N, C-alpha and C. Protein backbone atom coordinates (compact mmCIF):
# COMPACT_ATOMS: atom_id res chain seq x y z
N MET A 1 -20.66 30.47 17.21
CA MET A 1 -19.54 30.99 17.91
C MET A 1 -18.98 29.62 18.56
N GLN A 2 -17.72 29.51 18.42
CA GLN A 2 -16.84 28.09 18.96
C GLN A 2 -16.08 28.58 19.92
N THR A 3 -16.00 27.93 21.02
CA THR A 3 -15.03 28.17 22.19
C THR A 3 -14.13 26.97 22.37
N ASN A 4 -12.70 27.23 22.40
CA ASN A 4 -11.92 26.27 22.73
C ASN A 4 -11.52 26.27 24.12
N VAL A 5 -11.94 25.37 25.04
CA VAL A 5 -11.46 25.53 26.33
C VAL A 5 -10.83 24.22 26.97
N GLY A 6 -10.53 23.19 26.19
CA GLY A 6 -9.77 22.12 26.68
C GLY A 6 -10.34 21.26 27.70
N PHE A 7 -11.62 21.29 27.80
CA PHE A 7 -12.37 20.37 28.78
C PHE A 7 -12.81 19.31 27.90
N HIS A 8 -13.33 18.12 28.56
CA HIS A 8 -14.14 17.16 28.02
C HIS A 8 -15.58 17.70 28.05
N ALA A 9 -16.45 17.22 27.06
CA ALA A 9 -17.71 17.52 27.10
C ALA A 9 -18.77 16.48 26.77
N GLU A 10 -19.84 16.41 27.23
CA GLU A 10 -20.90 15.46 26.95
C GLU A 10 -21.98 16.24 26.31
N ILE A 11 -22.54 15.59 25.26
CA ILE A 11 -23.76 16.18 24.71
C ILE A 11 -24.87 15.20 25.14
N PHE A 12 -25.82 15.97 25.76
CA PHE A 12 -26.97 15.14 26.22
C PHE A 12 -28.03 15.35 25.04
N VAL A 13 -28.51 14.08 24.79
CA VAL A 13 -29.41 14.07 23.40
C VAL A 13 -30.76 13.57 24.10
N LEU A 14 -31.90 14.28 23.84
CA LEU A 14 -33.15 13.81 24.30
C LEU A 14 -33.64 12.96 23.28
N HIS A 15 -33.99 11.76 23.46
CA HIS A 15 -34.38 10.78 22.45
C HIS A 15 -35.98 10.81 22.45
N PRO A 16 -36.54 10.51 21.27
CA PRO A 16 -37.89 10.56 21.07
C PRO A 16 -38.80 10.02 22.22
N ASN A 17 -38.21 8.90 22.87
CA ASN A 17 -38.83 8.14 23.94
C ASN A 17 -38.66 8.96 25.28
N ASN A 18 -38.19 10.12 25.24
CA ASN A 18 -37.88 10.79 26.48
C ASN A 18 -36.68 10.20 27.25
N GLY A 19 -36.02 9.38 26.54
CA GLY A 19 -34.86 8.77 27.21
C GLY A 19 -33.65 9.86 27.00
N ARG A 20 -32.45 9.52 27.62
CA ARG A 20 -31.50 10.52 27.62
C ARG A 20 -30.20 9.69 27.30
N GLY A 21 -29.59 9.98 26.25
CA GLY A 21 -28.21 9.40 25.89
C GLY A 21 -27.17 10.45 25.98
N SER A 22 -25.95 9.92 25.86
CA SER A 22 -24.85 10.86 25.79
C SER A 22 -23.88 10.37 24.76
N VAL A 23 -23.07 11.38 24.33
CA VAL A 23 -22.06 11.31 23.41
C VAL A 23 -20.97 12.03 23.75
N ARG A 24 -19.64 11.35 23.82
CA ARG A 24 -18.53 12.02 24.42
C ARG A 24 -17.68 12.63 23.35
N GLY A 25 -17.06 13.69 23.56
CA GLY A 25 -16.04 14.32 22.51
C GLY A 25 -15.41 15.52 23.21
N ASP A 26 -14.46 16.03 22.44
CA ASP A 26 -13.71 17.41 22.88
C ASP A 26 -14.60 18.53 22.56
N VAL A 27 -14.55 19.57 23.22
CA VAL A 27 -15.40 20.57 22.96
C VAL A 27 -15.15 21.11 21.46
N ASP A 28 -13.79 21.00 21.28
CA ASP A 28 -13.43 21.63 19.89
C ASP A 28 -14.10 20.91 18.70
N ASP A 29 -14.48 19.57 18.97
CA ASP A 29 -15.14 18.76 17.90
C ASP A 29 -16.50 18.81 17.98
N LEU A 30 -17.33 19.60 18.75
CA LEU A 30 -18.76 19.50 18.86
C LEU A 30 -19.28 20.55 17.89
N GLY A 31 -18.85 21.84 18.05
CA GLY A 31 -19.48 22.91 17.16
C GLY A 31 -20.63 22.63 16.48
N GLU A 32 -20.70 22.51 15.16
CA GLU A 32 -21.93 22.53 14.31
C GLU A 32 -22.85 21.31 14.71
N SER A 33 -22.24 20.11 14.96
CA SER A 33 -22.93 18.87 15.27
C SER A 33 -23.93 19.07 16.45
N SER A 34 -23.45 19.60 17.49
CA SER A 34 -24.40 20.01 18.67
C SER A 34 -25.37 20.97 18.35
N ALA A 35 -25.04 22.03 17.64
CA ALA A 35 -26.11 22.96 17.37
C ALA A 35 -27.12 22.28 16.31
N ALA A 36 -26.79 21.45 15.53
CA ALA A 36 -27.75 20.88 14.47
C ALA A 36 -28.54 19.77 15.11
N LEU A 37 -27.99 19.22 16.20
CA LEU A 37 -28.90 18.38 16.99
C LEU A 37 -29.92 18.98 17.98
N GLY A 38 -29.60 20.16 18.22
CA GLY A 38 -30.48 21.01 19.25
C GLY A 38 -30.21 20.48 20.55
N THR A 39 -28.94 20.18 20.92
CA THR A 39 -28.59 19.59 22.27
C THR A 39 -27.89 20.75 23.06
N LYS A 40 -27.75 20.39 24.25
CA LYS A 40 -26.99 21.23 25.26
C LYS A 40 -25.78 20.47 25.55
N VAL A 41 -24.71 21.26 25.53
CA VAL A 41 -23.35 20.76 25.93
C VAL A 41 -23.04 21.29 27.45
N GLY A 42 -22.70 20.14 28.21
CA GLY A 42 -22.44 20.27 29.57
C GLY A 42 -20.77 19.99 29.75
N LEU A 43 -20.17 20.98 30.40
CA LEU A 43 -18.74 20.82 30.59
C LEU A 43 -18.44 20.29 32.00
N MET A 44 -17.52 19.24 32.08
CA MET A 44 -17.10 18.87 33.22
C MET A 44 -15.78 18.33 33.09
N GLN A 45 -14.96 18.00 34.26
CA GLN A 45 -13.63 17.52 34.27
C GLN A 45 -13.62 16.16 33.44
N ALA A 46 -12.68 16.01 32.64
CA ALA A 46 -12.62 14.71 31.92
C ALA A 46 -12.06 13.51 32.89
N PRO A 47 -12.70 12.28 32.62
CA PRO A 47 -12.31 11.31 33.39
C PRO A 47 -10.97 11.08 33.50
N PRO A 48 -10.45 10.59 34.57
CA PRO A 48 -8.72 10.39 34.73
C PRO A 48 -8.38 9.23 33.81
N GLU A 49 -7.26 9.39 33.27
CA GLU A 49 -6.65 8.46 32.47
C GLU A 49 -5.89 7.39 33.28
N GLN A 50 -5.78 6.22 32.76
CA GLN A 50 -5.16 5.12 33.39
C GLN A 50 -3.72 5.46 33.72
N GLY A 51 -3.26 5.11 34.80
CA GLY A 51 -1.85 5.47 35.12
C GLY A 51 -1.88 6.72 35.77
N THR A 52 -2.72 7.58 36.16
CA THR A 52 -2.67 8.59 36.84
C THR A 52 -2.02 8.50 38.11
N GLN A 53 -1.29 9.33 38.61
CA GLN A 53 -0.59 9.13 40.03
C GLN A 53 -1.32 10.07 40.88
N GLY A 54 -2.59 9.88 40.94
CA GLY A 54 -3.46 10.64 42.19
C GLY A 54 -3.30 12.13 41.87
N GLY A 55 -2.96 12.60 40.68
CA GLY A 55 -3.00 14.06 40.51
C GLY A 55 -4.08 14.57 39.65
N ALA A 56 -5.06 13.82 39.21
CA ALA A 56 -6.16 14.25 38.54
C ALA A 56 -7.12 15.06 39.39
N SER A 57 -7.76 16.08 38.73
CA SER A 57 -8.79 16.88 39.50
C SER A 57 -10.02 16.06 39.81
N PRO A 58 -10.79 16.39 40.80
CA PRO A 58 -12.05 15.62 41.10
C PRO A 58 -12.92 15.95 39.93
N GLY A 59 -13.79 15.07 39.67
CA GLY A 59 -14.74 15.28 38.64
C GLY A 59 -15.92 14.38 38.48
N TYR A 60 -16.76 14.33 37.58
CA TYR A 60 -17.82 13.32 37.47
C TYR A 60 -18.29 13.23 35.97
N GLU A 61 -19.11 12.30 35.71
CA GLU A 61 -19.60 11.93 34.51
C GLU A 61 -20.92 11.07 34.78
N TYR A 62 -21.68 11.04 33.63
CA TYR A 62 -22.99 10.20 33.62
C TYR A 62 -22.70 8.89 32.62
N LEU A 63 -23.10 7.86 33.26
CA LEU A 63 -22.98 6.56 32.55
C LEU A 63 -24.22 6.06 32.27
N ASP A 64 -24.45 5.48 31.11
CA ASP A 64 -25.68 4.88 30.81
C ASP A 64 -26.03 3.67 31.70
N HIS A 65 -27.28 3.53 31.90
CA HIS A 65 -27.75 2.31 32.69
C HIS A 65 -29.13 1.97 32.09
N PRO A 66 -29.53 0.75 32.09
CA PRO A 66 -30.90 0.26 31.46
C PRO A 66 -31.96 1.15 31.56
N ALA A 67 -32.23 1.53 32.78
CA ALA A 67 -33.57 2.40 32.86
C ALA A 67 -33.41 3.66 33.65
N ASP A 68 -32.22 3.80 34.19
CA ASP A 68 -31.95 4.96 35.06
C ASP A 68 -30.65 5.50 34.51
N ILE A 69 -29.94 6.27 35.44
CA ILE A 69 -28.72 6.92 35.15
C ILE A 69 -27.73 6.61 36.30
N GLN A 70 -26.50 6.26 35.91
CA GLN A 70 -25.41 6.14 36.95
C GLN A 70 -24.46 7.35 36.90
N LEU A 71 -24.36 7.77 38.10
CA LEU A 71 -23.42 8.80 38.45
C LEU A 71 -22.02 8.13 38.63
N HIS A 72 -20.93 8.70 38.16
CA HIS A 72 -19.76 8.37 38.28
C HIS A 72 -18.72 9.48 38.72
N ALA A 73 -18.11 9.59 39.97
CA ALA A 73 -17.36 10.52 40.26
C ALA A 73 -15.95 9.99 40.81
N TRP A 74 -14.93 10.80 40.88
CA TRP A 74 -13.51 10.50 41.22
C TRP A 74 -12.88 11.65 41.88
N GLY A 75 -12.01 11.33 42.66
CA GLY A 75 -11.24 12.31 43.35
C GLY A 75 -10.10 11.55 44.19
N PRO A 76 -9.25 12.47 44.88
CA PRO A 76 -8.16 11.75 45.64
C PRO A 76 -8.61 11.11 46.91
N SER A 77 -9.85 11.33 47.36
CA SER A 77 -10.29 10.82 48.70
C SER A 77 -11.92 10.62 48.54
N GLU A 78 -12.43 9.93 49.46
CA GLU A 78 -14.05 9.74 49.59
C GLU A 78 -14.52 11.12 49.76
N LYS A 79 -14.10 12.12 50.36
CA LYS A 79 -14.56 13.51 50.53
C LYS A 79 -14.89 14.04 49.13
N GLU A 80 -13.87 14.12 48.18
CA GLU A 80 -14.07 14.72 46.93
C GLU A 80 -15.14 13.86 46.01
N VAL A 81 -14.97 12.50 46.21
CA VAL A 81 -16.01 11.70 45.42
C VAL A 81 -17.37 12.02 45.90
N PHE A 82 -17.78 12.10 47.34
CA PHE A 82 -19.12 12.44 47.66
C PHE A 82 -19.38 13.91 47.20
N GLU A 83 -18.51 14.73 47.31
CA GLU A 83 -18.84 16.13 46.83
C GLU A 83 -19.17 16.29 45.33
N GLN A 84 -18.52 15.47 44.42
CA GLN A 84 -18.76 15.51 43.15
C GLN A 84 -19.91 14.65 42.66
N LEU A 85 -20.29 13.59 43.56
CA LEU A 85 -21.50 12.90 43.21
C LEU A 85 -22.77 13.77 43.61
N ALA A 86 -22.64 14.66 44.64
CA ALA A 86 -23.65 15.56 44.80
C ALA A 86 -23.96 16.58 43.66
N VAL A 87 -22.87 17.27 43.22
CA VAL A 87 -22.87 18.11 42.29
C VAL A 87 -23.30 17.57 40.98
N ALA A 88 -22.90 16.24 40.71
CA ALA A 88 -23.35 15.63 39.47
C ALA A 88 -25.03 15.45 39.38
N MET A 89 -25.42 15.17 40.74
CA MET A 89 -26.95 14.91 40.72
C MET A 89 -27.63 16.22 40.38
N PHE A 90 -27.20 17.42 40.94
CA PHE A 90 -27.74 18.55 40.67
C PHE A 90 -27.60 19.04 39.17
N GLY A 91 -26.37 18.65 38.49
CA GLY A 91 -26.14 19.03 37.23
C GLY A 91 -26.97 18.29 36.43
N TYR A 92 -27.66 17.03 36.72
CA TYR A 92 -28.55 16.15 35.88
C TYR A 92 -29.83 16.70 35.92
N ILE A 93 -30.21 17.41 37.10
CA ILE A 93 -31.53 17.91 37.37
C ILE A 93 -31.67 19.20 36.57
N THR A 94 -30.56 20.12 36.52
CA THR A 94 -30.70 21.43 35.63
C THR A 94 -30.11 21.29 34.33
N GLU A 95 -29.28 20.31 34.01
CA GLU A 95 -28.63 20.23 32.65
C GLU A 95 -27.35 21.06 32.63
N ASP A 96 -27.66 22.51 33.16
CA ASP A 96 -26.51 23.37 32.98
C ASP A 96 -26.21 24.00 34.35
N ILE A 97 -25.36 23.27 35.20
CA ILE A 97 -25.09 23.77 36.57
C ILE A 97 -24.37 25.17 36.63
N THR A 98 -23.83 25.52 35.41
CA THR A 98 -23.15 26.99 35.42
C THR A 98 -24.17 28.15 35.50
N THR A 99 -25.58 27.70 35.32
CA THR A 99 -26.45 28.75 35.46
C THR A 99 -27.04 29.02 36.87
N VAL A 100 -26.43 28.18 37.89
CA VAL A 100 -26.80 28.27 39.23
C VAL A 100 -25.68 29.16 39.82
N ASP A 101 -26.28 30.27 40.53
CA ASP A 101 -25.33 31.11 41.22
C ASP A 101 -25.18 30.85 42.77
N PRO A 102 -24.01 30.71 43.22
CA PRO A 102 -23.85 30.33 44.63
C PRO A 102 -24.00 31.39 45.64
N THR A 103 -25.48 31.87 45.68
CA THR A 103 -25.82 32.98 46.46
C THR A 103 -26.33 32.75 47.84
N GLU A 104 -26.76 31.33 47.96
CA GLU A 104 -27.54 30.81 49.30
C GLU A 104 -26.70 29.76 49.62
N GLU A 105 -26.43 29.50 51.05
CA GLU A 105 -25.87 28.38 51.57
C GLU A 105 -26.69 27.58 52.48
N ARG A 106 -26.63 26.28 52.22
CA ARG A 106 -27.40 25.25 53.03
C ARG A 106 -26.51 24.33 53.84
N GLU A 107 -26.88 23.90 54.96
CA GLU A 107 -26.01 22.96 55.54
C GLU A 107 -26.83 21.51 55.74
N VAL A 108 -26.00 20.45 55.42
CA VAL A 108 -26.71 19.09 55.66
C VAL A 108 -25.91 18.23 56.41
N GLN A 109 -26.36 17.57 57.41
CA GLN A 109 -25.64 16.76 58.23
C GLN A 109 -26.45 15.26 58.25
N VAL A 110 -25.53 14.33 58.03
CA VAL A 110 -26.30 12.96 58.01
C VAL A 110 -25.44 11.87 58.69
N GLU A 111 -25.95 10.69 59.04
CA GLU A 111 -25.25 9.61 59.56
C GLU A 111 -25.65 8.52 58.90
N GLY A 112 -24.77 7.31 59.06
CA GLY A 112 -25.04 6.18 58.52
C GLY A 112 -24.45 5.00 59.32
N HIS A 113 -24.61 3.74 58.81
CA HIS A 113 -23.98 2.60 59.59
C HIS A 113 -22.77 2.12 58.87
N ASP A 114 -22.62 2.32 57.71
CA ASP A 114 -21.43 2.00 56.87
C ASP A 114 -21.22 3.06 55.70
N ILE A 115 -20.11 2.91 54.87
CA ILE A 115 -19.90 3.99 54.00
C ILE A 115 -21.14 4.05 52.89
N TYR A 116 -21.87 2.98 52.58
CA TYR A 116 -22.84 3.04 51.69
C TYR A 116 -24.15 3.67 52.22
N SER A 117 -24.61 3.37 53.49
CA SER A 117 -25.70 4.11 53.94
C SER A 117 -25.38 5.49 54.30
N LEU A 118 -24.13 5.94 54.47
CA LEU A 118 -23.69 7.27 54.57
C LEU A 118 -23.80 8.03 53.44
N LEU A 119 -23.20 7.26 52.23
CA LEU A 119 -23.41 8.05 50.99
C LEU A 119 -24.79 8.11 50.49
N TYR A 120 -25.71 7.06 50.84
CA TYR A 120 -26.96 7.08 50.25
C TYR A 120 -27.71 8.36 51.04
N ALA A 121 -27.46 8.46 52.49
CA ALA A 121 -28.16 9.37 53.22
C ALA A 121 -27.76 10.76 52.64
N PHE A 122 -26.42 10.88 52.58
CA PHE A 122 -25.87 12.20 51.92
C PHE A 122 -26.63 12.67 50.75
N LEU A 123 -26.62 11.91 49.59
CA LEU A 123 -27.25 12.15 48.57
C LEU A 123 -28.75 12.50 48.51
N ASP A 124 -29.39 11.62 49.32
CA ASP A 124 -30.83 11.70 49.50
C ASP A 124 -31.23 12.85 50.35
N GLU A 125 -30.37 13.36 51.21
CA GLU A 125 -30.73 14.76 51.91
C GLU A 125 -30.44 15.75 50.92
N TRP A 126 -29.52 15.84 50.06
CA TRP A 126 -29.24 16.86 49.18
C TRP A 126 -30.53 16.87 48.22
N LEU A 127 -30.91 15.75 47.72
CA LEU A 127 -32.07 15.58 46.72
C LEU A 127 -33.22 16.15 47.47
N PHE A 128 -33.50 15.94 48.60
CA PHE A 128 -34.66 16.47 49.60
C PHE A 128 -34.37 18.05 49.35
N GLN A 129 -33.38 18.62 49.44
CA GLN A 129 -33.35 20.06 49.38
C GLN A 129 -33.98 20.61 48.05
N PHE A 130 -33.63 19.85 47.14
CA PHE A 130 -34.35 20.20 45.79
C PHE A 130 -35.75 19.83 45.84
N ASN A 131 -36.10 18.58 46.20
CA ASN A 131 -37.63 18.27 45.98
C ASN A 131 -38.48 19.12 47.06
N GLY A 132 -37.97 19.58 48.17
CA GLY A 132 -38.56 20.20 49.14
C GLY A 132 -38.78 21.71 49.03
N ASP A 133 -37.47 22.37 48.50
CA ASP A 133 -37.50 23.79 48.45
C ASP A 133 -37.05 24.02 47.00
N LEU A 134 -36.78 23.29 46.08
CA LEU A 134 -36.22 23.60 44.75
C LEU A 134 -34.90 24.12 44.87
N PHE A 135 -34.09 23.83 45.75
CA PHE A 135 -32.78 24.39 46.07
C PHE A 135 -31.77 23.53 45.11
N LEU A 136 -30.93 24.09 44.31
CA LEU A 136 -29.93 23.63 43.31
C LEU A 136 -28.61 24.01 43.90
N ALA A 137 -27.75 23.14 44.32
CA ALA A 137 -26.45 23.43 44.74
C ALA A 137 -25.44 23.38 43.61
N ARG A 138 -24.64 24.41 43.50
CA ARG A 138 -23.82 24.37 42.35
C ARG A 138 -22.39 23.89 42.86
N GLN A 139 -22.22 24.02 44.21
CA GLN A 139 -21.03 23.69 44.97
C GLN A 139 -21.44 22.94 46.16
N VAL A 140 -20.71 21.69 46.44
CA VAL A 140 -20.95 20.90 47.68
C VAL A 140 -19.69 20.86 48.40
N GLU A 141 -19.54 21.25 49.57
CA GLU A 141 -18.32 21.02 50.34
C GLU A 141 -18.58 20.22 51.60
N ILE A 142 -17.86 19.31 51.87
CA ILE A 142 -17.86 18.47 53.01
C ILE A 142 -16.86 19.05 54.07
N ASP A 143 -17.31 19.58 55.24
CA ASP A 143 -16.69 20.10 56.26
C ASP A 143 -15.98 18.95 57.36
N ASP A 144 -16.87 17.99 57.41
CA ASP A 144 -16.36 16.88 58.29
C ASP A 144 -16.84 15.51 57.79
N LEU A 145 -15.90 14.59 57.37
CA LEU A 145 -16.35 13.22 56.95
C LEU A 145 -15.67 12.37 57.98
N ASP A 146 -16.45 11.71 58.72
CA ASP A 146 -16.01 10.78 59.67
C ASP A 146 -16.53 9.36 59.22
N LEU A 147 -15.36 8.66 58.73
CA LEU A 147 -15.65 7.37 58.15
C LEU A 147 -15.44 6.13 59.32
N THR A 148 -15.19 6.62 60.50
CA THR A 148 -15.24 5.59 61.75
C THR A 148 -16.54 5.63 62.39
N HIS A 149 -17.25 6.87 62.53
CA HIS A 149 -18.69 6.78 63.12
C HIS A 149 -19.61 7.12 62.03
N PHE A 150 -19.28 7.19 60.76
CA PHE A 150 -20.06 7.46 59.57
C PHE A 150 -21.07 8.70 59.81
N ARG A 151 -20.26 9.68 59.63
CA ARG A 151 -21.12 11.10 59.83
C ARG A 151 -20.62 11.91 58.90
N ILE A 152 -21.44 12.98 58.36
CA ILE A 152 -20.97 13.97 57.47
C ILE A 152 -21.60 15.23 57.80
N ARG A 153 -20.75 16.29 57.81
CA ARG A 153 -21.44 17.55 58.03
C ARG A 153 -20.82 18.35 56.52
N SER A 154 -21.89 18.88 56.00
CA SER A 154 -21.65 19.57 54.72
C SER A 154 -22.40 20.76 54.54
N LYS A 155 -21.86 21.59 53.51
CA LYS A 155 -22.65 22.72 53.09
C LYS A 155 -22.69 22.86 51.66
N GLY A 156 -23.81 23.46 50.99
CA GLY A 156 -23.95 23.63 49.65
C GLY A 156 -24.18 25.02 49.26
N ARG A 157 -23.74 25.60 48.24
CA ARG A 157 -24.00 26.87 48.02
C ARG A 157 -24.69 26.67 46.50
N GLY A 158 -25.89 27.60 46.25
CA GLY A 158 -26.59 27.56 45.17
C GLY A 158 -27.69 28.52 45.30
N GLU A 159 -28.71 28.26 44.67
CA GLU A 159 -29.94 29.14 44.67
C GLU A 159 -31.28 28.20 44.48
N ILE A 160 -32.35 28.82 44.55
CA ILE A 160 -33.69 28.35 44.26
C ILE A 160 -33.94 28.05 42.61
N PHE A 161 -34.33 27.01 42.32
CA PHE A 161 -34.61 26.89 40.90
C PHE A 161 -35.62 27.91 40.28
N THR A 162 -35.25 28.55 39.23
CA THR A 162 -36.26 29.51 38.58
C THR A 162 -36.47 29.08 37.19
N ARG A 163 -37.61 28.90 36.81
CA ARG A 163 -37.90 28.58 35.43
C ARG A 163 -37.48 29.77 34.59
N GLY A 164 -36.69 29.38 33.40
CA GLY A 164 -36.39 30.59 32.48
C GLY A 164 -34.88 30.84 32.66
N LYS A 165 -34.42 30.81 34.09
CA LYS A 165 -32.86 30.95 34.27
C LYS A 165 -32.15 29.68 34.28
N HIS A 166 -32.85 28.62 34.87
CA HIS A 166 -32.31 27.24 34.86
C HIS A 166 -32.84 26.34 34.02
N PRO A 167 -32.08 25.66 33.09
CA PRO A 167 -32.77 24.69 32.25
C PRO A 167 -33.10 23.50 32.85
N SER A 168 -34.28 23.09 32.59
CA SER A 168 -34.88 21.81 33.33
C SER A 168 -34.18 20.54 32.68
N GLY A 169 -33.61 19.78 33.52
CA GLY A 169 -32.94 18.57 33.08
C GLY A 169 -33.88 17.43 33.22
N THR A 170 -33.51 16.50 33.91
CA THR A 170 -34.33 15.25 34.18
C THR A 170 -34.74 15.01 35.63
N GLU A 171 -35.81 14.82 35.95
CA GLU A 171 -36.31 14.64 37.33
C GLU A 171 -35.44 13.27 37.95
N ILE A 172 -34.92 13.55 39.12
CA ILE A 172 -34.41 12.40 39.80
C ILE A 172 -35.31 12.07 40.98
N LYS A 173 -35.95 10.86 40.84
CA LYS A 173 -36.95 10.53 41.79
C LYS A 173 -36.25 10.07 43.16
N ALA A 174 -35.28 9.36 43.03
CA ALA A 174 -34.72 8.74 44.23
C ALA A 174 -33.19 8.37 44.08
N VAL A 175 -32.35 8.17 45.06
CA VAL A 175 -31.11 7.61 45.05
C VAL A 175 -31.49 6.21 45.36
N THR A 176 -30.53 5.43 44.86
CA THR A 176 -30.74 3.79 45.10
C THR A 176 -29.38 3.42 45.52
N TYR A 177 -29.46 2.00 46.02
CA TYR A 177 -28.36 1.26 46.49
C TYR A 177 -27.92 0.48 45.29
N SER A 178 -28.59 0.22 44.22
CA SER A 178 -28.31 -0.45 43.02
C SER A 178 -26.92 -0.20 42.59
N ASN A 179 -25.88 -1.20 42.55
CA ASN A 179 -24.63 -0.95 41.98
C ASN A 179 -23.76 0.13 42.63
N MET A 180 -24.06 0.57 43.92
CA MET A 180 -23.37 1.55 44.51
C MET A 180 -22.07 0.82 44.96
N ARG A 181 -20.94 1.70 44.69
CA ARG A 181 -19.58 1.32 44.85
C ARG A 181 -18.72 2.57 45.26
N VAL A 182 -17.82 2.43 46.11
CA VAL A 182 -16.84 3.36 46.45
C VAL A 182 -15.54 2.52 46.52
N VAL A 183 -14.64 2.80 45.51
CA VAL A 183 -13.37 1.98 45.34
C VAL A 183 -12.27 2.83 44.96
N ARG A 184 -11.15 2.39 45.42
CA ARG A 184 -9.84 2.92 44.92
C ARG A 184 -9.55 2.14 43.61
N GLY A 185 -9.31 3.03 42.47
CA GLY A 185 -9.02 2.52 41.09
C GLY A 185 -7.53 2.20 40.89
N GLU A 186 -7.20 1.54 39.80
CA GLU A 186 -5.82 1.30 39.48
C GLU A 186 -5.00 2.64 39.25
N ASP A 187 -5.78 3.93 38.89
CA ASP A 187 -5.27 5.31 38.94
C ASP A 187 -4.82 5.73 40.19
N ARG A 188 -5.02 5.04 41.28
CA ARG A 188 -4.92 5.60 42.70
C ARG A 188 -5.94 6.48 43.16
N LEU A 189 -6.84 6.78 42.28
CA LEU A 189 -8.08 7.74 42.78
C LEU A 189 -9.07 6.93 43.39
N MET A 190 -9.88 7.62 44.38
CA MET A 190 -11.23 6.97 44.82
C MET A 190 -12.21 7.29 43.69
N HIS A 191 -13.10 6.32 43.39
CA HIS A 191 -14.15 6.41 42.52
C HIS A 191 -15.43 5.95 43.08
N GLY A 192 -16.52 6.67 43.01
CA GLY A 192 -17.83 6.45 43.40
C GLY A 192 -18.68 6.22 42.29
N TYR A 193 -19.70 5.23 42.42
CA TYR A 193 -20.75 4.96 41.39
C TYR A 193 -22.10 4.90 42.13
N VAL A 194 -23.08 5.66 41.67
CA VAL A 194 -24.42 5.61 42.25
C VAL A 194 -25.43 5.67 41.17
N VAL A 195 -26.40 4.87 41.17
CA VAL A 195 -27.61 4.67 40.25
C VAL A 195 -28.57 5.70 40.99
N VAL A 196 -29.27 6.47 40.09
CA VAL A 196 -30.36 7.37 40.59
C VAL A 196 -31.51 6.87 39.77
N ASP A 197 -32.68 6.97 40.40
CA ASP A 197 -34.03 6.61 39.79
C ASP A 197 -34.50 7.80 39.03
N ILE A 198 -34.68 7.79 37.85
CA ILE A 198 -35.18 8.94 36.89
C ILE A 198 -36.58 8.65 36.36
């Protein structure tokens, strides 16, 4: 059965060495090939095109990195970028974030001394929610982002990981500062890049 949804998709391919690669394509083009490969297709908002005038929806994607994985998120402001990076992290842990029901809410508050330590603390605390309690957030919303005093108050909606319901993705061991960037792109959107240790 083929579904035409007009989103961009990535096929995650588990390689024999347990590495993970990705192939991009439109959902319409995946059909038989993804089934033949035994892969899972994850839907996400397509990366913004060059020349976008700030109107693209927030989204995320996974970029190849020599030993780890790089999360890339975009949106109109730092708030949406941080939110999308957290959701991308949970999407990588479970492979299919759509299986997570937003039935439980958790709050995370963090502080930093600059934007990078703030982003690190934010993602690290959300990762702790999974590592400590197996909590998967399908949605993360920042209620207050203070870039003067470097504070975040956020909430996430999701549920506890349940084997059989949530497909296991790849364990994320830690958030890193490696190649961490938060920049405004030529497309006038904010972009965030974070490498996570897998």
